[in-house]
Amino acid sequence: KKLLEEEYLKEVPTGSFGPYHVPEGHYFMLGDNRNVS
């Protein structure tokens, strides 16, 4: 597992989710304000 460095986040996010297996031809999206996105 490789930690994603994210300097653009508004605040420290909380919670645990996944794992998500991204299908071919698709993308997984997150907002920068994770706690309300």
PDB file of all heavy atoms in Angstrom:
ATOM      1  N   LYS A   1       0.847  -1.194   0.000  1.00  0.00           N
ATOM      2  CA  LYS A   1       0.000   0.000   0.000  1.00  0.00           C
ATOM      3  C   LYS A   1       0.880   1.240   0.000  1.00  0.00           C
ATOM      4  O   LYS A   1       1.798   1.357   0.800  1.00  0.00           O
ATOM      5  CB  LYS A   1      -0.901   0.021   1.244  1.00  0.00           C
ATOM      6  CG  LYS A   1      -1.921  -1.073   1.280  1.00  0.00           C
ATOM      7  CD  LYS A   1      -2.754  -0.978   2.536  1.00  0.00           C
ATOM      8  CE  LYS A   1      -3.713  -2.151   2.621  1.00  0.00           C
ATOM      9  NZ  LYS A   1      -4.492  -2.140   3.842  1.00  0.00           N
ATOM     10  N   LYS A   2       0.556   2.164  -0.888  1.00  0.00           N
ATOM     11  CA  LYS A   2       1.317   3.407  -0.986  1.00  0.00           C
ATOM     12  C   LYS A   2       0.429   4.551  -0.510  1.00  0.00           C
ATOM     13  O   LYS A   2      -0.671   4.753  -1.023  1.00  0.00           O
ATOM     14  CB  LYS A   2       1.756   3.634  -2.430  1.00  0.00           C
ATOM     15  CG  LYS A   2       2.581   4.876  -2.622  1.00  0.00           C
ATOM     16  CD  LYS A   2       3.029   5.014  -4.059  1.00  0.00           C
ATOM     17  CE  LYS A   2       3.839   6.266  -4.235  1.00  0.00           C
ATOM     18  NZ  LYS A   2       4.256   6.451  -5.621  1.00  0.00           N
ATOM     19  N   LEU A   3       0.906   5.316   0.482  1.00  0.00           N
ATOM     20  CA  LEU A   3       0.170   6.459   1.008  1.00  0.00           C
ATOM     21  C   LEU A   3       0.178   7.582  -0.019  1.00  0.00           C
ATOM     22  O   LEU A   3       1.228   7.938  -0.555  1.00  0.00           O
ATOM     23  CB  LEU A   3       0.792   6.944   2.320  1.00  0.00           C
ATOM     24  CG  LEU A   3       0.188   8.208   2.932  1.00  0.00           C
ATOM     25  CD1 LEU A   3      -1.261   7.970   3.341  1.00  0.00           C
ATOM     26  CD2 LEU A   3       1.014   8.649   4.142  1.00  0.00           C
ATOM     27  N   LEU A   4      -0.989   8.134  -0.280  1.00  0.00           N
ATOM     28  CA  LEU A   4      -1.110   9.252  -1.214  1.00  0.00           C
ATOM     29  C   LEU A   4      -0.874  10.553  -0.460  1.00  0.00           C
ATOM     30  O   LEU A   4      -1.562  10.843   0.514  1.00  0.00           O
ATOM     31  CB  LEU A   4      -2.505   9.237  -1.853  1.00  0.00           C
ATOM     32  CG  LEU A   4      -2.801  10.264  -2.929  1.00  0.00           C
ATOM     33  CD1 LEU A   4      -1.847  10.103  -4.100  1.00  0.00           C
ATOM     34  CD2 LEU A   4      -4.233  10.113  -3.404  1.00  0.00           C
ATOM     35  N   GLU A   5       0.102  11.335  -0.885  1.00  0.00           N
ATOM     36  CA  GLU A   5       0.384  12.636  -0.284  1.00  0.00           C
ATOM     37  C   GLU A   5      -0.594  13.649  -0.877  1.00  0.00           C
ATOM     38  O   GLU A   5      -0.674  13.797  -2.088  1.00  0.00           O
ATOM     39  CB  GLU A   5       1.825  13.073  -0.569  1.00  0.00           C
ATOM     40  CG  GLU A   5       2.879  12.153   0.017  1.00  0.00           C
ATOM     41  CD  GLU A   5       2.893  12.161   1.539  1.00  0.00           C
ATOM     42  OE1 GLU A   5       2.579  13.206   2.152  1.00  0.00           O
ATOM     43  OE2 GLU A   5       3.205  11.102   2.121  1.00  0.00           O
ATOM     44  N   GLU A   6      -1.330  14.354   0.002  1.00  0.00           N
ATOM     45  CA  GLU A   6      -2.370  15.266  -0.472  1.00  0.00           C
ATOM     46  C   GLU A   6      -2.275  16.611   0.248  1.00  0.00           C
ATOM     47  O   GLU A   6      -2.943  16.829   1.252  1.00  0.00           O
ATOM     48  CB  GLU A   6      -3.751  14.640  -0.240  1.00  0.00           C
ATOM     49  CG  GLU A   6      -3.951  13.327  -0.956  1.00  0.00           C
ATOM     50  CD  GLU A   6      -5.333  12.774  -0.750  1.00  0.00           C
ATOM     51  OE1 GLU A   6      -5.595  12.208   0.331  1.00  0.00           O
ATOM     52  OE2 GLU A   6      -6.160  12.938  -1.661  1.00  0.00           O
ATOM     53  N   GLU A   7      -1.490  17.502  -0.294  1.00  0.00           N
ATOM     54  CA  GLU A   7      -1.295  18.821   0.322  1.00  0.00           C
ATOM     55  C   GLU A   7      -2.471  19.761   0.099  1.00  0.00           C
ATOM     56  O   GLU A   7      -2.559  20.814   0.720  1.00  0.00           O
ATOM     57  CB  GLU A   7      -0.005  19.462  -0.182  1.00  0.00           C
ATOM     58  CG  GLU A   7      -0.004  19.845  -1.646  1.00  0.00           C
ATOM     59  CD  GLU A   7       0.201  18.687  -2.623  1.00  0.00           C
ATOM     60  OE1 GLU A   7       0.597  17.590  -2.216  1.00  0.00           O
ATOM     61  OE2 GLU A   7      -0.054  18.902  -3.820  1.00  0.00           O
ATOM     62  N   TYR A   8      -3.411  19.412  -0.746  1.00  0.00           N
ATOM     63  CA  TYR A   8      -4.541  20.273  -1.090  1.00  0.00           C
ATOM     64  C   TYR A   8      -5.738  20.114  -0.156  1.00  0.00           C
ATOM     65  O   TYR A   8      -6.716  20.822  -0.298  1.00  0.00           O
ATOM     66  CB  TYR A   8      -4.992  19.993  -2.533  1.00  0.00           C
ATOM     67  CG  TYR A   8      -5.018  18.521  -2.885  1.00  0.00           C
ATOM     68  CD1 TYR A   8      -6.028  17.687  -2.429  1.00  0.00           C
ATOM     69  CD2 TYR A   8      -3.997  17.972  -3.649  1.00  0.00           C
ATOM     70  CE1 TYR A   8      -6.032  16.339  -2.732  1.00  0.00           C
ATOM     71  CE2 TYR A   8      -3.994  16.627  -3.961  1.00  0.00           C
ATOM     72  CZ  TYR A   8      -5.010  15.813  -3.505  1.00  0.00           C
ATOM     73  OH  TYR A   8      -5.014  14.474  -3.800  1.00  0.00           O
ATOM     74  N   LEU A   9      -5.704  19.187   0.787  1.00  0.00           N
ATOM     75  CA  LEU A   9      -6.854  18.941   1.661  1.00  0.00           C
ATOM     76  C   LEU A   9      -7.136  20.126   2.571  1.00  0.00           C
ATOM     77  O   LEU A   9      -6.215  20.788   3.057  1.00  0.00           O
ATOM     78  CB  LEU A   9      -6.619  17.690   2.519  1.00  0.00           C
ATOM     79  CG  LEU A   9      -6.524  16.384   1.751  1.00  0.00           C
ATOM     80  CD1 LEU A   9      -6.210  15.234   2.699  1.00  0.00           C
ATOM     81  CD2 LEU A   9      -7.799  16.106   0.981  1.00  0.00           C
ATOM     82  N   LYS A  10      -8.425  20.387   2.815  1.00  0.00           N
ATOM     83  CA  LYS A  10      -8.826  21.497   3.677  1.00  0.00           C
ATOM     84  C   LYS A  10      -8.460  21.225   5.130  1.00  0.00           C
ATOM     85  O   LYS A  10      -7.958  22.089   5.829  1.00  0.00           O
ATOM     86  CB  LYS A  10     -10.329  21.755   3.562  1.00  0.00           C
ATOM     87  CG  LYS A  10     -10.771  22.894   4.463  1.00  0.00           C
ATOM     88  CD  LYS A  10     -12.226  23.218   4.342  1.00  0.00           C
ATOM     89  CE  LYS A  10     -12.529  24.390   5.274  1.00  0.00           C
ATOM     90  NZ  LYS A  10     -13.897  24.785   5.234  1.00  0.00           N
ATOM     91  N   GLU A  11      -8.761  20.016   5.589  1.00  0.00           N
ATOM     92  CA  GLU A  11      -8.485  19.639   6.972  1.00  0.00           C
ATOM     93  C   GLU A  11      -8.193  18.148   7.016  1.00  0.00           C
ATOM     94  O   GLU A  11      -8.345  17.452   6.023  1.00  0.00           O
ATOM     95  CB  GLU A  11      -9.680  19.976   7.871  1.00  0.00           C
ATOM     96  CG  GLU A  11     -10.965  19.279   7.461  1.00  0.00           C
ATOM     97  CD  GLU A  11     -12.198  19.806   8.179  1.00  0.00           C
ATOM     98  OE1 GLU A  11     -12.144  20.876   8.782  1.00  0.00           O
ATOM     99  OE2 GLU A  11     -13.227  19.110   8.115  1.00  0.00           O
ATOM    100  N   VAL A  12      -7.776  17.668   8.175  1.00  0.00           N
ATOM    101  CA  VAL A  12      -7.473  16.250   8.316  1.00  0.00           C
ATOM    102  C   VAL A  12      -8.769  15.446   8.165  1.00  0.00           C
ATOM    103  O   VAL A  12      -9.711  15.640   8.928  1.00  0.00           O
ATOM    104  CB  VAL A  12      -6.816  15.957   9.688  1.00  0.00           C
ATOM    105  CG1 VAL A  12      -6.558  14.466   9.840  1.00  0.00           C
ATOM    106  CG2 VAL A  12      -5.538  16.761   9.845  1.00  0.00           C
ATOM    107  N   PRO A  13      -8.834  14.564   7.149  1.00  0.00           N
ATOM    108  CA  PRO A  13     -10.040  13.768   6.953  1.00  0.00           C
ATOM    109  C   PRO A  13     -10.170  12.674   8.015  1.00  0.00           C
ATOM    110  O   PRO A  13      -9.185  12.250   8.609  1.00  0.00           O
ATOM    111  CB  PRO A  13      -9.866  13.148   5.571  1.00  0.00           C
ATOM    112  CG  PRO A  13      -8.600  13.645   5.021  1.00  0.00           C
ATOM    113  CD  PRO A  13      -7.860  14.351   6.093  1.00  0.00           C
ATOM    114  N   THR A  14     -11.392  12.206   8.201  1.00  0.00           N
ATOM    115  CA  THR A  14     -11.657  11.124   9.142  1.00  0.00           C
ATOM    116  C   THR A  14     -12.349   9.982   8.417  1.00  0.00           C
ATOM    117  O   THR A  14     -12.884  10.163   7.324  1.00  0.00           O
ATOM    118  CB  THR A  14     -12.550  11.601  10.301  1.00  0.00           C
ATOM    119  OG1 THR A  14     -13.789  12.079   9.761  1.00  0.00           O
ATOM    120  CG2 THR A  14     -11.881  12.720  11.089  1.00  0.00           C
ATOM    121  N   GLY A  15     -12.346   8.810   9.034  1.00  0.00           N
ATOM    122  CA  GLY A  15     -13.090   7.676   8.511  1.00  0.00           C
ATOM    123  C   GLY A  15     -12.253   6.699   7.729  1.00  0.00           C
ATOM    124  O   GLY A  15     -11.175   7.025   7.235  1.00  0.00           O
ATOM    125  N   SER A  16     -12.777   5.483   7.650  1.00  0.00           N
ATOM    126  CA  SER A  16     -12.151   4.415   6.878  1.00  0.00           C
ATOM    127  C   SER A  16     -13.178   3.897   5.878  1.00  0.00           C
ATOM    128  O   SER A  16     -14.342   3.677   6.233  1.00  0.00           O
ATOM    129  CB  SER A  16     -11.690   3.294   7.811  1.00  0.00           C
ATOM    130  OG  SER A  16     -10.677   3.779   8.677  1.00  0.00           O
ATOM    131  N   PHE A  17     -12.742   3.701   4.634  1.00  0.00           N
ATOM    132  CA  PHE A  17     -13.629   3.297   3.547  1.00  0.00           C
ATOM    133  C   PHE A  17     -12.885   2.364   2.609  1.00  0.00           C
ATOM    134  O   PHE A  17     -11.681   2.479   2.429  1.00  0.00           O
ATOM    135  CB  PHE A  17     -14.106   4.518   2.748  1.00  0.00           C
ATOM    136  CG  PHE A  17     -14.753   5.583   3.571  1.00  0.00           C
ATOM    137  CD1 PHE A  17     -14.010   6.600   4.137  1.00  0.00           C
ATOM    138  CD2 PHE A  17     -16.125   5.562   3.795  1.00  0.00           C
ATOM    139  CE1 PHE A  17     -14.609   7.596   4.903  1.00  0.00           C
ATOM    140  CE2 PHE A  17     -16.737   6.538   4.551  1.00  0.00           C
ATOM    141  CZ  PHE A  17     -15.974   7.560   5.110  1.00  0.00           C
ATOM    142  N   GLY A  18     -13.616   1.478   1.985  1.00  0.00           N
ATOM    143  CA  GLY A  18     -13.029   0.616   0.969  1.00  0.00           C
ATOM    144  C   GLY A  18     -12.603  -0.721   1.529  1.00  0.00           C
ATOM    145  O   GLY A  18     -12.992  -1.080   2.634  1.00  0.00           O
ATOM    146  N   PRO A  19     -11.832  -1.449   0.760  1.00  0.00           N
ATOM    147  CA  PRO A  19     -11.157  -1.056  -0.479  1.00  0.00           C
ATOM    148  C   PRO A  19     -12.103  -0.979  -1.678  1.00  0.00           C
ATOM    149  O   PRO A  19     -13.114  -1.667  -1.730  1.00  0.00           O
ATOM    150  CB  PRO A  19     -10.122  -2.152  -0.684  1.00  0.00           C
ATOM    151  CG  PRO A  19     -10.677  -3.349   0.005  1.00  0.00           C
ATOM    152  CD  PRO A  19     -11.490  -2.821   1.156  1.00  0.00           C
ATOM    153  N   TYR A  20     -11.725  -0.111  -2.610  1.00  0.00           N
ATOM    154  CA  TYR A  20     -12.472   0.079  -3.850  1.00  0.00           C
ATOM    155  C   TYR A  20     -11.596  -0.399  -5.014  1.00  0.00           C
ATOM    156  O   TYR A  20     -10.496   0.106  -5.205  1.00  0.00           O
ATOM    157  CB  TYR A  20     -12.819   1.554  -4.052  1.00  0.00           C
ATOM    158  CG  TYR A  20     -13.635   2.145  -2.932  1.00  0.00           C
ATOM    159  CD1 TYR A  20     -13.030   2.932  -1.952  1.00  0.00           C
ATOM    160  CD2 TYR A  20     -14.997   1.933  -2.848  1.00  0.00           C
ATOM    161  CE1 TYR A  20     -13.780   3.487  -0.924  1.00  0.00           C
ATOM    162  CE2 TYR A  20     -15.753   2.478  -1.815  1.00  0.00           C
ATOM    163  CZ  TYR A  20     -15.128   3.258  -0.856  1.00  0.00           C
ATOM    164  OH  TYR A  20     -15.870   3.797   0.154  1.00  0.00           O
ATOM    165  N   HIS A  21     -12.094  -1.335  -5.782  1.00  0.00           N
ATOM    166  CA  HIS A  21     -11.386  -1.865  -6.949  1.00  0.00           C
ATOM    167  C   HIS A  21     -11.886  -1.092  -8.173  1.00  0.00           C
ATOM    168  O   HIS A  21     -12.981  -1.348  -8.648  1.00  0.00           O
ATOM    169  CB  HIS A  21     -11.645  -3.362  -7.092  1.00  0.00           C
ATOM    170  CG  HIS A  21     -11.159  -4.157  -5.917  1.00  0.00           C
ATOM    171  ND1 HIS A  21      -9.992  -4.878  -5.954  1.00  0.00           N
ATOM    172  CD2 HIS A  21     -11.659  -4.310  -4.656  1.00  0.00           C
ATOM    173  CE1 HIS A  21      -9.807  -5.453  -4.780  1.00  0.00           C
ATOM    174  NE2 HIS A  21     -10.803  -5.121  -3.968  1.00  0.00           N
ATOM    175  N   VAL A  22     -11.083  -0.173  -8.658  1.00  0.00           N
ATOM    176  CA  VAL A  22     -11.504   0.708  -9.757  1.00  0.00           C
ATOM    177  C   VAL A  22     -11.487  -0.091 -11.066  1.00  0.00           C
ATOM    178  O   VAL A  22     -10.445  -0.605 -11.471  1.00  0.00           O
ATOM    179  CB  VAL A  22     -10.584   1.940  -9.863  1.00  0.00           C
ATOM    180  CG1 VAL A  22     -11.079   2.883 -10.956  1.00  0.00           C
ATOM    181  CG2 VAL A  22     -10.467   2.663  -8.525  1.00  0.00           C
ATOM    182  N   PRO A  23     -12.654  -0.205 -11.727  1.00  0.00           N
ATOM    183  CA  PRO A  23     -12.698  -0.971 -12.987  1.00  0.00           C
ATOM    184  C   PRO A  23     -11.911  -0.272 -14.105  1.00  0.00           C
ATOM    185  O   PRO A  23     -11.711   0.942 -14.079  1.00  0.00           O
ATOM    186  CB  PRO A  23     -14.188  -1.003 -13.347  1.00  0.00           C
ATOM    187  CG  PRO A  23     -14.933  -0.441 -12.193  1.00  0.00           C
ATOM    188  CD  PRO A  23     -13.963   0.316 -11.351  1.00  0.00           C
ATOM    189  N   GLU A  24     -11.496  -1.064 -15.077  1.00  0.00           N
ATOM    190  CA  GLU A  24     -10.838  -0.490 -16.250  1.00  0.00           C
ATOM    191  C   GLU A  24     -11.771   0.533 -16.891  1.00  0.00           C
ATOM    192  O   GLU A  24     -12.987   0.337 -16.924  1.00  0.00           O
ATOM    193  CB  GLU A  24     -10.470  -1.586 -17.254  1.00  0.00           C
ATOM    194  CG  GLU A  24      -9.320  -2.463 -16.802  1.00  0.00           C
ATOM    195  CD  GLU A  24      -8.018  -1.706 -16.560  1.00  0.00           C
ATOM    196  OE1 GLU A  24      -7.724  -0.720 -17.287  1.00  0.00           O
ATOM    197  OE2 GLU A  24      -7.282  -2.102 -15.643  1.00  0.00           O
ATOM    198  N   GLY A  25     -11.214   1.620 -17.377  1.00  0.00           N
ATOM    199  CA  GLY A  25     -12.001   2.651 -18.041  1.00  0.00           C
ATOM    200  C   GLY A  25     -12.781   3.546 -17.095  1.00  0.00           C
ATOM    201  O   GLY A  25     -13.629   4.316 -17.538  1.00  0.00           O
ATOM    202  N   HIS A  26     -12.502   3.475 -15.778  1.00  0.00           N
ATOM    203  CA  HIS A  26     -13.216   4.258 -14.774  1.00  0.00           C
ATOM    204  C   HIS A  26     -12.239   4.917 -13.797  1.00  0.00           C
ATOM    205  O   HIS A  26     -11.070   4.529 -13.719  1.00  0.00           O
ATOM    206  CB  HIS A  26     -14.182   3.370 -13.995  1.00  0.00           C
ATOM    207  CG  HIS A  26     -15.326   2.894 -14.809  1.00  0.00           C
ATOM    208  ND1 HIS A  26     -15.216   1.890 -15.736  1.00  0.00           N
ATOM    209  CD2 HIS A  26     -16.622   3.299 -14.845  1.00  0.00           C
ATOM    210  CE1 HIS A  26     -16.385   1.690 -16.310  1.00  0.00           C
ATOM    211  NE2 HIS A  26     -17.263   2.527 -15.790  1.00  0.00           N
ATOM    212  N   TYR A  27     -12.768   5.884 -13.043  1.00  0.00           N
ATOM    213  CA  TYR A  27     -11.958   6.647 -12.089  1.00  0.00           C
ATOM    214  C   TYR A  27     -12.703   6.777 -10.761  1.00  0.00           C
ATOM    215  O   TYR A  27     -13.934   6.798 -10.728  1.00  0.00           O
ATOM    216  CB  TYR A  27     -11.642   8.034 -12.655  1.00  0.00           C
ATOM    217  CG  TYR A  27     -10.767   7.946 -13.880  1.00  0.00           C
ATOM    218  CD1 TYR A  27     -11.321   7.734 -15.144  1.00  0.00           C
ATOM    219  CD2 TYR A  27      -9.384   8.033 -13.778  1.00  0.00           C
ATOM    220  CE1 TYR A  27     -10.528   7.612 -16.261  1.00  0.00           C
ATOM    221  CE2 TYR A  27      -8.579   7.913 -14.894  1.00  0.00           C
ATOM    222  CZ  TYR A  27      -9.154   7.701 -16.127  1.00  0.00           C
ATOM    223  OH  TYR A  27      -8.359   7.576 -17.233  1.00  0.00           O
ATOM    224  N   PHE A  28     -11.923   6.880  -9.685  1.00  0.00           N
ATOM    225  CA  PHE A  28     -12.457   7.069  -8.332  1.00  0.00           C
ATOM    226  C   PHE A  28     -12.195   8.523  -7.960  1.00  0.00           C
ATOM    227  O   PHE A  28     -11.057   8.992  -8.038  1.00  0.00           O
ATOM    228  CB  PHE A  28     -11.739   6.117  -7.368  1.00  0.00           C
ATOM    229  CG  PHE A  28     -12.289   6.113  -5.972  1.00  0.00           C
ATOM    230  CD1 PHE A  28     -13.400   5.349  -5.655  1.00  0.00           C
ATOM    231  CD2 PHE A  28     -11.688   6.850  -4.967  1.00  0.00           C
ATOM    232  CE1 PHE A  28     -13.901   5.324  -4.363  1.00  0.00           C
ATOM    233  CE2 PHE A  28     -12.170   6.831  -3.673  1.00  0.00           C
ATOM    234  CZ  PHE A  28     -13.290   6.068  -3.369  1.00  0.00           C
ATOM    235  N   MET A  29     -13.247   9.252  -7.560  1.00  0.00           N
ATOM    236  CA  MET A  29     -13.164  10.692  -7.313  1.00  0.00           C
ATOM    237  C   MET A  29     -13.406  11.019  -5.837  1.00  0.00           C
ATOM    238  O   MET A  29     -14.280  10.428  -5.202  1.00  0.00           O
ATOM    239  CB  MET A  29     -14.235  11.419  -8.130  1.00  0.00           C
ATOM    240  CG  MET A  29     -14.256  11.104  -9.589  1.00  0.00           C
ATOM    241  SD  MET A  29     -12.813  11.757 -10.424  1.00  0.00           S
ATOM    242  CE  MET A  29     -13.234  11.415 -12.116  1.00  0.00           C
ATOM    243  N   LEU A  30     -12.663  12.001  -5.333  1.00  0.00           N
ATOM    244  CA  LEU A  30     -12.880  12.514  -3.983  1.00  0.00           C
ATOM    245  C   LEU A  30     -12.838  14.036  -4.006  1.00  0.00           C
ATOM    246  O   LEU A  30     -12.135  14.633  -4.832  1.00  0.00           O
ATOM    247  CB  LEU A  30     -11.810  12.003  -3.009  1.00  0.00           C
ATOM    248  CG  LEU A  30     -11.806  10.508  -2.699  1.00  0.00           C
ATOM    249  CD1 LEU A  30     -10.606  10.147  -1.823  1.00  0.00           C
ATOM    250  CD2 LEU A  30     -13.099  10.073  -2.034  1.00  0.00           C
ATOM    251  N   GLY A  31     -13.578  14.653  -3.079  1.00  0.00           N
ATOM    252  CA  GLY A  31     -13.499  16.094  -2.895  1.00  0.00           C
ATOM    253  C   GLY A  31     -12.324  16.429  -1.989  1.00  0.00           C
ATOM    254  O   GLY A  31     -11.862  15.592  -1.214  1.00  0.00           O
ATOM    255  N   ASP A  32     -11.843  17.660  -2.058  1.00  0.00           N
ATOM    256  CA  ASP A  32     -10.720  18.086  -1.211  1.00  0.00           C
ATOM    257  C   ASP A  32     -11.155  18.332   0.227  1.00  0.00           C
ATOM    258  O   ASP A  32     -10.331  18.303   1.131  1.00  0.00           O
ATOM    259  CB  ASP A  32     -10.082  19.360  -1.776  1.00  0.00           C
ATOM    260  CG  ASP A  32      -9.341  19.099  -3.079  1.00  0.00           C
ATOM    261  OD1 ASP A  32      -9.246  17.928  -3.509  1.00  0.00           O
ATOM    262  OD2 ASP A  32      -8.844  20.083  -3.672  1.00  0.00           O
ATOM    263  N   ASN A  33     -12.414  18.597   0.435  1.00  0.00           N
ATOM    264  CA  ASN A  33     -12.966  18.805   1.777  1.00  0.00           C
ATOM    265  C   ASN A  33     -13.677  17.506   2.164  1.00  0.00           C
ATOM    266  O   ASN A  33     -14.894  17.427   2.226  1.00  0.00           O
ATOM    267  CB  ASN A  33     -13.925  20.002   1.764  1.00  0.00           C
ATOM    268  CG  ASN A  33     -14.359  20.422   3.143  1.00  0.00           C
ATOM    269  OD1 ASN A  33     -13.945  19.851   4.148  1.00  0.00           O
ATOM    270  ND2 ASN A  33     -15.210  21.430   3.194  1.00  0.00           N
ATOM    271  N   ARG A  34     -12.882  16.476   2.408  1.00  0.00           N
ATOM    272  CA  ARG A  34     -13.379  15.104   2.554  1.00  0.00           C
ATOM    273  C   ARG A  34     -14.467  14.926   3.603  1.00  0.00           C
ATOM    274  O   ARG A  34     -15.337  14.081   3.466  1.00  0.00           O
ATOM    275  CB  ARG A  34     -12.238  14.149   2.922  1.00  0.00           C
ATOM    276  CG  ARG A  34     -11.119  14.120   1.950  1.00  0.00           C
ATOM    277  CD  ARG A  34     -11.386  13.136   0.816  1.00  0.00           C
ATOM    278  NE  ARG A  34     -10.572  13.480  -0.317  1.00  0.00           N
ATOM    279  CZ  ARG A  34      -9.295  13.185  -0.436  1.00  0.00           C
ATOM    280  NH1 ARG A  34      -8.680  12.505   0.499  1.00  0.00           N
ATOM    281  NH2 ARG A  34      -8.633  13.564  -1.499  1.00  0.00           N
ATOM    282  N   ASN A  35     -14.411  15.677   4.681  1.00  0.00           N
ATOM    283  CA  ASN A  35     -15.357  15.457   5.775  1.00  0.00           C
ATOM    284  C   ASN A  35     -16.779  15.895   5.426  1.00  0.00           C
ATOM    285  O   ASN A  35     -17.716  15.531   6.135  1.00  0.00           O
ATOM    286  CB  ASN A  35     -14.869  16.136   7.051  1.00  0.00           C
ATOM    287  CG  ASN A  35     -13.581  15.498   7.553  1.00  0.00           C
ATOM    288  OD1 ASN A  35     -13.351  14.301   7.387  1.00  0.00           O
ATOM    289  ND2 ASN A  35     -12.716  16.289   8.158  1.00  0.00           N
ATOM    290  N   VAL A  36     -16.953  16.663   4.350  1.00  0.00           N
ATOM    291  CA  VAL A  36     -18.304  17.079   3.935  1.00  0.00           C
ATOM    292  C   VAL A  36     -18.613  16.716   2.482  1.00  0.00           C
ATOM    293  O   VAL A  36     -19.715  16.968   2.015  1.00  0.00           O
ATOM    294  CB  VAL A  36     -18.528  18.604   4.139  1.00  0.00           C
ATOM    295  CG1 VAL A  36     -18.344  18.985   5.587  1.00  0.00           C
ATOM    296  CG2 VAL A  36     -17.628  19.418   3.242  1.00  0.00           C
ATOM    297  N   SER A  37     -17.673  16.113   1.775  1.00  0.00           N
ATOM    298  CA  SER A  37     -17.834  15.858   0.346  1.00  0.00           C
ATOM    299  C   SER A  37     -18.692  14.628   0.059  1.00  0.00           C
ATOM    300  O   SER A  37     -18.480  13.563   0.628  1.00  0.00           O
ATOM    301  CB  SER A  37     -16.458  15.673  -0.303  1.00  0.00           C
ATOM    302  OG  SER A  37     -16.598  15.427  -1.680  1.00  0.00           O
TER     303      SER A  37
END
